[in-house]
Amino acid sequence: MKRNIIFMLLVFIVGCGGNYKQDLRKAENAYKAGEKEKAKVFYEQAAKKGSGEAYFMLASEYSSTHENNVYYYAEAAKRGNGEALGYTLDNLLFRANSLKVGNPQKALEIYYKAKKANPDLKLYDEENKVRIMKMCVEPGDFDAEAFCKKYGLEPENNDEMYHVWQIAEEVSKGGRFGDPDPKLILQLVARGGWAPAELEIAVEETYKNWKNGEAKEFNICDHITSGGGMGFCSSRANEQDEKDRDSKLKQLSEKLNESSQEILEEAYEVAVNYIDLKVVNEEMHDGSGRAAWMIQSEMKQKNEYLDLIEKISDGFVPSPKNNFEKADQQLNQTYKNVKEQLIKLSKNPYLPKFEDVREVQRLWISYRDISAQLFFMINPEVSENIWKAWLTEIRNKQLIAISKNELASLPY
């Protein structure tokens, strides 16, 4: 009787708990044959029987909810899958950006289980990652659901960069959250990771503040290392800069008569459109910081344009080297040379396309004419043709810079 019971238990364990190899083999064969849905059924069966590889395949190869993917990666990691562990730690901590999914305690627990299942498992920068996880866990449990309910917050927003860190910023300033709490700031920062290096820097700072009992203001842009983060911070800076430019434009307008005010508004709008197109089509910003560099260039040139208007109001007089007719001839020749060069080198990724430069040039003509008209109205002692000549010589330098592959932005 006892032997029969033991035999039946062994059959149950092998059949339902650990014998996943046959299901895994069927899944792999079906997947290779292009029968992904059929393969998924076998992967699910193998996963239920404890296959880490099956869990990893379900997470990486089959579209599912974010929470399901985190679960599948975690289950694979617990069984010693190093790649799955990396994804798990990212989802739960280093790239979490979620009060719903972010969970440093769970991340650390799964790390230890993975190491126990596979002592040879290695992570990149492992010692430092463990150190950061321990810092995030030390403040204790955080009831994210209760926190969000209390303040009417969304626990996650996949469309919003640094969603949780933006909440941490607000908490660090007080307001509706009451007096800034260094522990709460650290707990939020620990769940708002977007890029691992950024999280590590932010955690170290807010951990130190918590240990010292200091509720210092948290600023996302003090911890940025990624191209995406640079773009985020540049966009945010541009929002404030745009408000400042609008204020400056209003101040400039108040100094002018009614007809000049109308020209000022039109000229500034044309200048903004011209600068935006020039930055995109001609300046060839590239790399992970492309968005940030473009925004910075746009802000710089728009502010320079307003500064120029102010200088003209204060009496600035240009000194073009040539009259408008000759300056225009030189520009046409430069434009022709640039056209030939860009067409010849059309496959060079470091040069703009001629069609893009042509589009900018057409908009520049409108920019030149309306700007010269505005400048003349501000200072009638300088003719429109002199202003056109001066602006044309500036544009000529910009085109020469393109031909020399010196694509840093020039003013106006």
Protein backbone atom coordinates (compact mmCIF):
# COMPACT_ATOMS: atom_id res chain seq x y z
CA MET A 1 0.00 0.00 0.00
CA LYS A 2 2.76 2.44 1.02
CA ARG A 3 4.71 1.62 -2.17
CA ASN A 4 1.66 2.38 -4.31
CA ILE A 5 1.15 5.75 -2.66
CA ILE A 6 4.82 6.72 -3.15
CA PHE A 7 4.66 5.60 -6.79
CA MET A 8 1.53 7.67 -7.42
CA LEU A 9 3.13 10.73 -5.83
CA LEU A 10 6.19 10.34 -8.04
CA VAL A 11 4.00 10.08 -11.12
CA PHE A 12 2.14 13.25 -10.09
CA ILE A 13 5.34 15.22 -9.47
CA VAL A 14 6.96 14.15 -12.72
CA GLY A 15 3.81 14.55 -14.79
CA CYS A 16 2.59 17.88 -13.38
CA GLY A 17 5.44 19.56 -11.59
CA GLY A 18 8.78 19.07 -13.26
CA ASN A 19 8.71 17.12 -16.51
CA TYR A 20 8.50 20.11 -18.85
CA LYS A 21 11.15 19.03 -21.36
CA GLN A 22 8.72 17.35 -23.72
CA ASP A 23 6.41 20.40 -23.76
CA LEU A 24 9.39 22.68 -24.26
CA ARG A 25 10.66 20.60 -27.16
CA LYS A 26 7.21 20.69 -28.79
CA ALA A 27 7.07 24.45 -28.27
CA GLU A 28 10.46 24.98 -29.86
CA ASN A 29 9.60 22.81 -32.86
CA ALA A 30 6.30 24.63 -33.41
CA TYR A 31 7.97 28.02 -33.04
CA LYS A 32 10.66 27.14 -35.59
CA ALA A 33 7.93 25.99 -37.96
CA GLY A 34 6.28 29.39 -37.69
CA GLU A 35 3.34 28.12 -35.65
CA LYS A 36 3.68 30.70 -32.90
CA GLU A 37 0.24 30.29 -31.35
CA LYS A 38 0.60 26.53 -31.19
CA ALA A 39 4.03 27.00 -29.66
CA LYS A 40 2.57 29.36 -27.07
CA VAL A 41 0.27 26.64 -25.75
CA PHE A 42 3.25 24.34 -25.17
CA TYR A 43 5.31 27.16 -23.64
CA GLU A 44 2.47 27.83 -21.21
CA GLN A 45 2.31 24.14 -20.30
CA ALA A 46 6.07 24.00 -19.83
CA ALA A 47 5.99 27.18 -17.71
CA LYS A 48 3.33 25.71 -15.42
CA LYS A 49 5.68 22.76 -14.88
CA GLY A 50 8.54 25.05 -13.89
CA SER A 51 10.49 25.85 -17.06
CA GLY A 52 12.38 29.13 -16.76
CA GLU A 53 13.08 29.09 -20.48
CA ALA A 54 9.36 28.82 -21.20
CA TYR A 55 8.60 31.77 -18.93
CA PHE A 56 11.28 33.80 -20.71
CA MET A 57 9.84 33.01 -24.13
CA LEU A 58 6.34 33.99 -23.00
CA ALA A 59 7.68 37.36 -21.83
CA SER A 60 9.98 38.13 -24.75
CA GLU A 61 8.16 36.67 -27.76
CA TYR A 62 4.48 37.08 -27.01
CA SER A 63 2.64 40.37 -26.66
CA SER A 64 0.96 40.65 -23.30
CA THR A 65 0.22 43.19 -20.59
CA HIS A 66 3.15 44.86 -18.92
CA GLU A 67 2.28 43.21 -15.61
CA ASN A 68 2.19 39.77 -17.22
CA ASN A 69 5.56 40.32 -18.83
CA VAL A 70 7.04 41.41 -15.50
CA TYR A 71 5.63 38.25 -13.92
CA TYR A 72 7.01 35.97 -16.65
CA TYR A 73 10.47 37.56 -16.52
CA ALA A 74 10.45 37.29 -12.73
CA GLU A 75 9.55 33.60 -12.84
CA ALA A 76 12.31 32.95 -15.36
CA ALA A 77 14.76 34.91 -13.22
CA LYS A 78 13.88 32.90 -10.10
CA ARG A 79 14.98 29.82 -12.00
CA GLY A 80 18.41 31.29 -12.72
CA ASN A 81 17.93 32.98 -16.11
CA GLY A 82 20.39 35.87 -16.11
CA GLU A 83 18.85 37.77 -19.03
CA ALA A 84 15.43 37.53 -17.42
CA LEU A 85 16.87 38.83 -14.16
CA GLY A 86 18.18 41.91 -15.96
CA TYR A 87 14.73 42.64 -17.41
CA THR A 88 13.10 41.97 -14.06
CA LEU A 89 15.29 44.41 -12.17
CA ASP A 90 14.71 47.03 -14.87
CA ASN A 91 10.93 46.59 -14.68
CA LEU A 92 10.75 46.59 -10.90
CA LEU A 93 13.34 49.27 -10.23
CA PHE A 94 15.90 50.66 -12.64
CA ARG A 95 13.43 51.56 -15.42
CA ALA A 96 10.16 51.17 -13.52
CA ASN A 97 8.64 54.69 -13.82
CA SER A 98 5.56 53.26 -12.12
CA LEU A 99 4.00 53.32 -8.66
CA LYS A 100 1.97 50.30 -9.73
CA VAL A 101 4.81 48.01 -10.84
CA GLY A 102 7.86 49.56 -9.16
CA ASN A 103 8.88 47.40 -6.21
CA PRO A 104 12.50 47.55 -4.94
CA GLN A 105 11.85 44.94 -2.23
CA LYS A 106 10.57 42.43 -4.76
CA ALA A 107 13.51 43.21 -7.06
CA LEU A 108 16.01 42.40 -4.31
CA GLU A 109 14.17 39.21 -3.32
CA ILE A 110 14.14 37.93 -6.89
CA TYR A 111 17.82 38.75 -7.25
CA TYR A 112 18.68 36.54 -4.28
CA LYS A 113 16.45 33.71 -5.58
CA ALA A 114 18.10 33.92 -9.01
CA LYS A 115 21.57 33.74 -7.47
CA LYS A 116 20.54 30.78 -5.36
CA ALA A 117 19.15 28.96 -8.40
CA ASN A 118 22.22 29.81 -10.48
CA PRO A 119 25.31 30.74 -8.39
CA ASP A 120 27.29 31.37 -11.58
CA LEU A 121 24.85 34.07 -12.73
CA LYS A 122 26.53 37.45 -13.31
CA LEU A 123 25.02 40.91 -13.86
CA TYR A 124 26.71 43.93 -15.36
CA ASP A 125 27.83 46.24 -12.54
CA GLU A 126 26.32 43.73 -10.13
CA GLU A 127 27.86 44.96 -6.89
CA ASN A 128 26.67 48.50 -7.50
CA LYS A 129 23.18 47.35 -8.49
CA VAL A 130 22.84 45.38 -5.25
CA ARG A 131 24.01 48.42 -3.29
CA ILE A 132 21.36 50.61 -4.93
CA MET A 133 18.63 48.02 -4.35
CA LYS A 134 19.48 47.87 -0.66
CA MET A 135 19.32 51.67 -0.41
CA CYS A 136 15.87 51.63 -2.00
CA VAL A 137 14.62 48.88 0.32
CA GLU A 138 15.97 50.34 3.58
CA PRO A 139 13.20 52.96 4.13
CA GLY A 140 10.66 50.13 4.40
CA ASP A 141 7.30 49.37 2.80
CA PHE A 142 5.49 51.95 0.71
CA ASP A 143 1.75 51.63 0.08
CA ALA A 144 1.63 53.07 -3.44
CA GLU A 145 -2.05 52.29 -3.89
CA ALA A 146 -3.06 54.18 -0.73
CA PHE A 147 -0.76 57.08 -1.64
CA CYS A 148 -2.27 57.42 -5.12
CA LYS A 149 -5.81 57.14 -3.77
CA LYS A 150 -5.18 59.79 -1.12
CA TYR A 151 -3.89 62.38 -3.59
CA GLY A 152 -5.84 61.35 -6.69
CA LEU A 153 -2.75 60.28 -8.63
CA GLU A 154 -2.32 57.90 -11.55
CA PRO A 155 0.05 55.08 -10.44
CA GLU A 156 1.65 54.97 -13.87
CA ASN A 157 1.60 56.77 -17.20
CA ASN A 158 3.59 55.08 -19.95
CA ASP A 159 3.20 58.12 -22.20
CA GLU A 160 4.78 60.49 -19.67
CA MET A 161 8.53 60.50 -19.19
CA TYR A 162 9.56 60.65 -15.53
CA HIS A 163 5.94 60.39 -14.40
CA VAL A 164 6.86 59.28 -10.88
CA TRP A 165 9.85 61.60 -10.58
CA GLN A 166 7.60 64.53 -11.43
CA ILE A 167 5.50 63.53 -8.42
CA ALA A 168 8.70 63.31 -6.35
CA GLU A 169 9.60 66.85 -7.44
CA GLU A 170 6.21 68.14 -6.28
CA VAL A 171 6.43 66.25 -2.98
CA SER A 172 9.86 67.77 -2.32
CA LYS A 173 8.33 71.25 -2.62
CA GLY A 174 5.48 70.62 -0.16
CA GLY A 175 2.17 72.09 -1.27
CA ARG A 176 -0.73 69.63 -1.35
CA PHE A 177 1.54 66.88 0.00
CA GLY A 178 2.28 68.78 3.20
CA ASP A 179 5.76 69.35 4.59
CA PRO A 180 8.44 67.68 2.44
CA ASP A 181 9.29 64.20 3.76
CA PRO A 182 12.79 62.92 2.82
CA LYS A 183 11.68 59.30 3.29
CA LEU A 184 8.73 59.72 0.92
CA ILE A 185 10.93 61.48 -1.62
CA LEU A 186 13.36 58.55 -1.61
CA GLN A 187 10.53 56.00 -1.91
CA LEU A 188 9.14 57.83 -4.93
CA VAL A 189 12.53 58.26 -6.55
CA ALA A 190 13.15 54.52 -6.11
CA ARG A 191 10.05 53.76 -8.18
CA GLY A 192 10.55 56.37 -10.87
CA GLY A 193 13.57 55.05 -12.74
CA TRP A 194 13.81 55.82 -16.45
CA ALA A 195 17.49 55.06 -17.06
CA PRO A 196 19.65 53.00 -14.64
CA ALA A 197 22.50 55.51 -14.37
CA GLU A 198 20.04 58.30 -13.62
CA LEU A 199 18.28 56.22 -10.97
CA GLU A 200 21.55 55.40 -9.24
CA ILE A 201 22.56 59.07 -9.03
CA ALA A 202 19.14 60.13 -7.77
CA VAL A 203 18.89 57.32 -5.20
CA GLU A 204 22.32 58.07 -3.79
CA GLU A 205 21.41 61.73 -3.31
CA THR A 206 17.94 61.21 -1.84
CA TYR A 207 19.16 58.32 0.34
CA LYS A 208 21.82 60.59 1.81
CA ASN A 209 19.23 63.31 2.42
CA TRP A 210 16.92 60.81 4.16
CA LYS A 211 19.71 59.49 6.39
CA ASN A 212 20.60 63.08 7.32
CA GLY A 213 16.96 64.00 7.89
CA GLU A 214 17.12 66.67 5.16
CA ALA A 215 14.15 67.28 2.86
CA LYS A 216 15.97 68.91 -0.03
CA GLU A 217 14.19 69.88 -3.23
CA PHE A 218 14.43 67.16 -5.87
CA ASN A 219 15.05 68.25 -9.46
CA ILE A 220 14.84 65.66 -12.24
CA CYS A 221 17.23 67.55 -14.48
CA ASP A 222 20.02 67.40 -11.88
CA HIS A 223 20.28 63.64 -12.49
CA ILE A 224 19.97 63.31 -16.25
CA THR A 225 22.45 61.19 -18.20
CA SER A 226 20.34 59.86 -21.10
CA GLY A 227 19.50 61.43 -24.44
CA GLY A 228 15.81 61.05 -23.69
CA GLY A 229 16.30 62.83 -20.39
CA MET A 230 18.16 65.65 -22.10
CA GLY A 231 15.25 66.06 -24.49
CA PHE A 232 12.76 66.07 -21.61
CA CYS A 233 14.66 68.72 -19.69
CA SER A 234 15.25 70.83 -22.79
CA SER A 235 11.52 70.72 -23.57
CA ARG A 236 10.74 71.79 -20.06
CA ALA A 237 13.30 74.59 -20.24
CA ASN A 238 11.83 75.64 -23.58
CA GLU A 239 8.37 75.97 -22.03
CA GLN A 240 9.71 78.48 -19.53
CA ASP A 241 11.87 80.15 -22.14
CA GLU A 242 8.85 80.55 -24.41
CA LYS A 243 6.97 82.31 -21.62
CA ASP A 244 9.97 84.61 -21.11
CA ARG A 245 10.16 85.30 -24.86
CA ASP A 246 6.45 86.13 -24.99
CA SER A 247 6.94 88.54 -22.12
CA LYS A 248 9.91 90.15 -23.84
CA LEU A 249 7.97 90.40 -27.11
CA LYS A 250 5.18 92.19 -25.26
CA GLN A 251 7.66 94.64 -23.76
CA LEU A 252 9.17 95.34 -27.16
CA SER A 253 5.72 95.83 -28.67
CA GLU A 254 4.80 98.43 -26.07
CA LYS A 255 7.64 100.64 -27.34
CA LEU A 256 6.26 100.69 -30.89
CA ASN A 257 3.34 102.37 -32.60
CA GLU A 258 0.31 100.35 -33.65
CA SER A 259 1.41 99.64 -37.23
CA SER A 260 4.86 98.58 -36.06
CA GLN A 261 3.30 96.31 -33.45
CA GLU A 262 1.44 94.39 -36.15
CA ILE A 263 4.63 93.97 -38.20
CA LEU A 264 6.51 92.88 -35.06
CA GLU A 265 4.04 90.05 -34.39
CA GLU A 266 4.13 88.89 -38.00
CA ALA A 267 7.92 89.13 -38.24
CA TYR A 268 8.45 87.18 -35.04
CA GLU A 269 6.09 84.43 -36.20
CA VAL A 270 7.94 84.15 -39.53
CA ALA A 271 11.29 84.17 -37.70
CA VAL A 272 10.17 81.36 -35.37
CA ASN A 273 9.04 79.23 -38.33
CA TYR A 274 12.27 79.92 -40.20
CA ILE A 275 14.47 79.09 -37.21
CA ASP A 276 12.57 75.87 -36.44
CA LEU A 277 12.90 74.69 -40.05
CA LYS A 278 16.56 75.70 -40.25
CA VAL A 279 17.39 73.72 -37.12
CA VAL A 280 15.63 70.59 -38.40
CA ASN A 281 16.68 70.74 -42.05
CA GLU A 282 20.18 72.19 -41.98
CA GLU A 283 21.94 71.85 -38.65
CA MET A 284 22.17 68.04 -38.67
CA HIS A 285 21.93 67.45 -34.93
CA ASP A 286 22.40 63.75 -34.27
CA GLY A 287 22.91 61.18 -31.57
CA SER A 288 21.01 60.41 -28.39
CA GLY A 289 20.88 64.09 -27.45
CA ARG A 290 19.48 65.20 -30.82
CA ALA A 291 16.15 66.46 -29.50
CA ALA A 292 17.82 68.41 -26.69
CA TRP A 293 20.40 70.03 -28.97
CA MET A 294 17.73 71.03 -31.45
CA ILE A 295 15.60 72.66 -28.75
CA GLN A 296 18.62 74.44 -27.31
CA SER A 297 19.58 75.76 -30.74
CA GLU A 298 16.03 76.97 -31.39
CA MET A 299 15.87 78.77 -28.04
CA LYS A 300 19.25 80.40 -28.61
CA GLN A 301 18.36 81.74 -32.06
CA LYS A 302 14.88 82.95 -31.10
CA ASN A 303 16.31 84.85 -28.16
CA GLU A 304 19.00 86.30 -30.42
CA TYR A 305 16.31 87.57 -32.77
CA LEU A 306 14.47 89.35 -29.95
CA ASP A 307 17.77 90.72 -28.66
CA LEU A 308 18.47 92.09 -32.13
CA ILE A 309 15.12 93.90 -32.20
CA GLU A 310 15.92 95.42 -28.83
CA LYS A 311 19.36 96.50 -30.05
CA ILE A 312 17.80 98.16 -33.08
CA SER A 313 15.38 99.99 -30.78
CA ASP A 314 18.41 101.20 -28.85
CA GLY A 315 20.07 102.52 -32.01
CA PHE A 316 22.02 99.62 -33.54
CA VAL A 317 23.04 100.27 -37.16
CA PRO A 318 24.32 97.42 -39.37
CA SER A 319 27.47 97.60 -41.48
CA PRO A 320 27.08 95.30 -44.51
CA LYS A 321 30.18 94.98 -46.68
CA ASN A 322 28.20 95.33 -49.89
CA ASN A 323 24.96 96.80 -51.12
CA PHE A 324 21.92 94.56 -51.39
CA GLU A 325 22.32 93.83 -55.11
CA LYS A 326 25.90 92.59 -54.74
CA ALA A 327 25.14 90.70 -51.50
CA ASP A 328 22.25 89.00 -53.27
CA GLN A 329 24.49 88.00 -56.19
CA GLN A 330 27.03 86.49 -53.80
CA LEU A 331 24.31 84.59 -51.99
CA ASN A 332 22.95 83.18 -55.26
CA GLN A 333 26.42 81.96 -56.21
CA THR A 334 26.95 80.38 -52.81
CA TYR A 335 23.54 78.75 -53.01
CA LYS A 336 24.41 77.33 -56.43
CA ASN A 337 27.70 75.94 -55.11
CA VAL A 338 26.00 74.37 -52.13
CA LYS A 339 23.35 72.85 -54.37
CA GLU A 340 25.99 71.19 -56.58
CA GLN A 341 27.92 69.91 -53.58
CA LEU A 342 24.90 68.51 -51.74
CA ILE A 343 23.58 66.75 -54.84
CA LYS A 344 27.02 65.28 -55.50
CA LEU A 345 27.37 64.16 -51.86
CA SER A 346 23.74 63.17 -51.39
CA LYS A 347 24.70 59.90 -49.67
CA ASN A 348 26.80 61.66 -47.02
CA PRO A 349 24.82 61.28 -43.76
CA TYR A 350 26.61 64.26 -42.21
CA LEU A 351 25.30 66.73 -44.77
CA PRO A 352 21.72 67.95 -45.22
CA LYS A 353 19.75 67.09 -48.34
CA PHE A 354 19.55 69.82 -50.94
CA GLU A 355 15.76 69.63 -50.97
CA ASP A 356 15.76 70.47 -47.26
CA VAL A 357 18.10 73.42 -47.72
CA ARG A 358 15.94 74.68 -50.58
CA GLU A 359 12.90 74.58 -48.32
CA VAL A 360 14.72 76.64 -45.71
CA GLN A 361 15.96 79.10 -48.32
CA ARG A 362 12.44 79.76 -49.57
CA LEU A 363 11.26 80.50 -46.04
CA TRP A 364 14.35 82.63 -45.40
CA ILE A 365 13.31 85.02 -48.20
CA SER A 366 10.04 85.74 -46.38
CA TYR A 367 12.00 86.07 -43.14
CA ARG A 368 14.46 88.52 -44.74
CA ASP A 369 11.75 90.72 -46.25
CA ILE A 370 9.49 91.00 -43.21
CA SER A 371 12.46 91.48 -40.87
CA ALA A 372 13.92 94.26 -43.02
CA GLN A 373 10.53 95.95 -43.09
CA LEU A 374 10.26 95.75 -39.30
CA PHE A 375 13.81 97.00 -38.72
CA PHE A 376 13.20 99.95 -41.03
CA MET A 377 10.03 100.87 -39.17
CA ILE A 378 11.91 100.77 -35.87
CA ASN A 379 14.80 102.83 -37.27
CA PRO A 380 13.80 104.69 -40.46
CA GLU A 381 17.32 106.16 -40.76
CA VAL A 382 18.47 102.80 -42.14
CA SER A 383 16.84 101.78 -45.43
CA GLU A 384 15.22 98.38 -45.98
CA ASN A 385 17.83 97.54 -48.62
CA ILE A 386 20.65 98.04 -46.12
CA TRP A 387 18.90 95.69 -43.70
CA LYS A 388 18.35 93.21 -46.54
CA ALA A 389 22.02 93.38 -47.49
CA TRP A 390 23.08 92.75 -43.89
CA LEU A 391 20.67 89.82 -43.45
CA THR A 392 21.72 88.40 -46.83
CA GLU A 393 25.38 88.41 -45.81
CA ILE A 394 24.47 86.51 -42.63
CA ARG A 395 22.59 83.93 -44.69
CA ASN A 396 25.54 83.67 -47.05
CA LYS A 397 27.77 82.72 -44.09
CA GLN A 398 25.28 80.05 -43.06
CA LEU A 399 25.33 78.45 -46.50
CA ILE A 400 29.13 78.60 -46.62
CA ALA A 401 29.17 76.81 -43.25
CA ILE A 402 27.10 74.03 -44.81
CA SER A 403 29.52 73.68 -47.71
CA LYS A 404 32.41 73.47 -45.23
CA ASN A 405 30.50 71.00 -43.07
CA GLU A 406 30.59 73.48 -40.20
CA LEU A 407 26.99 72.99 -39.19
CA ALA A 408 26.89 74.72 -35.82
CA SER A 409 24.13 77.28 -35.80
CA LEU A 410 24.85 80.87 -36.77
CA PRO A 411 22.62 83.69 -35.48
CA TYR A 412 19.34 84.73 -37.08
